[in-house]
Protein backbone atom coordinates (compact mmCIF):
# COMPACT_ATOMS: atom_id res chain seq x y z
CA MET A 1 -6.83 10.03 -0.15
CA ALA A 2 -7.26 8.63 3.32
CA ILE A 3 -9.98 5.79 3.76
CA THR A 4 -12.03 6.60 7.00
CA SER A 5 -14.83 4.26 6.67
CA VAL A 6 -15.91 0.87 5.43
CA GLY A 7 -18.10 2.55 2.64
CA GLU A 8 -15.03 4.52 1.45
CA LEU A 9 -13.01 1.39 1.47
CA VAL A 10 -15.65 -0.63 -0.68
CA LYS A 11 -15.93 2.42 -3.13
CA ALA A 12 -12.32 2.54 -3.62
CA ALA A 13 -11.84 -1.15 -3.97
CA ARG A 14 -14.54 -0.90 -6.73
CA ASN A 15 -12.11 1.48 -8.51
CA GLY A 16 -14.43 2.77 -11.00
CA ARG A 17 -16.23 -0.31 -11.87
CA SER A 18 -20.19 -0.61 -11.61
CA GLN A 19 -21.56 -1.77 -8.65
CA LYS A 20 -23.17 -4.67 -10.41
CA GLU A 21 -19.86 -5.76 -11.85
CA PHE A 22 -18.05 -5.44 -8.38
CA ALA A 23 -21.02 -7.26 -6.79
CA ALA A 24 -20.50 -10.09 -8.99
CA PHE A 25 -16.92 -10.22 -8.37
CA LEU A 26 -17.56 -10.23 -4.62
CA GLY A 27 -20.39 -12.78 -4.77
CA VAL A 28 -22.97 -10.42 -3.22
CA LYS A 29 -25.94 -8.44 -4.74
CA GLN A 30 -25.57 -5.17 -6.37
CA SER A 31 -27.91 -3.85 -3.75
CA SER A 32 -25.37 -5.05 -0.81
CA VAL A 33 -22.49 -2.92 -2.37
CA SER A 34 -24.75 0.13 -2.54
CA ARG A 35 -25.71 -0.32 1.04
CA TYR A 36 -22.03 -1.04 2.07
CA GLU A 37 -21.10 2.18 0.35
CA SER A 38 -23.77 4.25 1.74
CA GLY A 39 -23.20 2.98 5.46
CA LYS A 40 -26.54 1.34 5.45
CA ALA A 41 -25.10 -1.94 6.12
CA SER A 42 -21.90 -3.60 7.15
CA PRO A 43 -20.12 -6.08 4.87
CA PRO A 44 -19.09 -9.34 6.24
CA ILE A 45 -15.26 -9.75 7.23
CA ARG A 46 -14.63 -11.65 3.85
CA VAL A 47 -15.84 -8.59 1.87
CA ILE A 48 -13.63 -6.07 3.90
CA GLU A 49 -10.61 -8.43 3.45
CA GLN A 50 -11.01 -8.62 -0.19
CA CYS A 51 -11.55 -4.61 -0.52
CA MET A 52 -8.48 -4.20 1.56
CA GLN A 53 -6.34 -6.25 -0.56
CA LEU A 54 -7.50 -4.62 -3.84
CA VAL A 55 -6.98 -1.02 -2.47
CA HIS A 56 -3.65 -2.35 -1.23
CA ALA A 57 -2.60 -3.76 -4.49
CA ALA A 58 -3.75 -0.73 -6.34
CA LYS A 59 -1.55 1.64 -3.88
CA ALA A 60 1.52 -0.62 -4.68
CA GLU A 61 1.08 -0.32 -8.35
CA ASP A 62 1.30 3.59 -7.99
CA ALA A 63 4.48 3.32 -5.91
CA PRO A 64 7.69 4.78 -7.72
CA THR A 65 10.16 2.38 -8.97
CA ALA A 66 13.68 2.64 -7.36
CA ASP A 67 15.14 4.46 -10.41
CA GLN A 68 12.22 6.88 -10.56
CA LEU A 69 12.39 7.66 -6.80
CA ALA A 70 16.22 8.03 -7.10
CA GLU A 71 15.69 10.50 -10.22
CA ARG A 72 13.41 12.66 -8.18
CA ILE A 73 15.55 12.78 -5.04
CA ARG A 74 18.55 13.88 -7.50
CA ALA A 75 16.53 16.57 -9.15
CA ALA A 76 15.25 17.84 -5.82
CA LEU A 77 18.75 17.92 -4.28
CA ALA A 78 20.71 19.25 -7.10
CA ASP A 79 20.96 22.63 -5.59
CA PRO A 80 24.32 23.21 -4.31
CA ASP A 81 23.00 25.06 -1.06
CA LEU A 82 21.15 21.62 -0.12
CA ARG A 83 24.54 20.18 1.02
CA GLN A 84 23.10 19.30 4.62
CA ALA A 85 19.94 18.05 3.34
CA ARG A 86 21.92 15.69 0.85
CA LEU A 87 24.39 14.59 3.89
CA ALA A 88 21.38 13.82 6.03
CA LEU A 89 19.45 11.94 3.47
CA SER A 90 22.58 9.86 2.65
CA ARG A 91 22.99 9.07 6.36
CA LEU A 92 19.14 7.93 6.27
CA VAL A 93 19.45 5.87 3.20
CA ASP A 94 22.64 4.11 4.74
CA ALA A 95 20.69 3.48 8.14
CA PHE A 96 17.81 2.10 6.05
CA VAL A 97 19.99 -0.39 3.76
CA SER A 98 21.73 -1.53 6.70
CA GLU A 99 18.55 -2.25 8.77
CA HIS A 100 17.05 -3.92 5.68
CA ALA A 101 20.02 -6.02 5.05
CA GLN A 102 20.01 -7.23 8.79
CA THR A 103 16.41 -8.17 8.31
CA ARG A 104 16.92 -10.25 5.23
CA VAL A 105 19.81 -11.98 6.70
CA THR A 106 17.47 -12.84 9.78
CA ARG A 107 14.82 -14.05 7.58
CA ALA A 108 17.18 -16.21 5.53
CA ALA A 109 19.09 -17.50 8.38
CA PRO A 110 18.24 -21.37 8.88
CA GLN A 111 16.48 -22.21 12.02
CA ILE A 112 18.40 -24.42 14.70
CA THR A 113 16.12 -26.90 16.47
CA GLY A 114 17.12 -28.79 19.49
CA GLY A 115 16.96 -32.40 19.10
């Protein structure tokens, strides 16, 4: 589900909890949560940031593990007629791994300062 408004963001971050419970977590009144969700009031940036973090964390938990993803790909590409797709995917994965390895090396490289 794409979140297209602040109200939807607040509701997604609430994730089934009651408005009262979520309001206590955010440090606001229940009526404020209701007004944020209905679009009648705009939450402070602090509340928006908290909601974004909660939604992002929930989506990260839903992400498949590497093993689960690999198994899904293996099953989907098991058909011998999908040879070209397997080759294209192999090239894509190789490029991703190469780029990711370079990014990790760049981040880990010590910074040289003049002086």
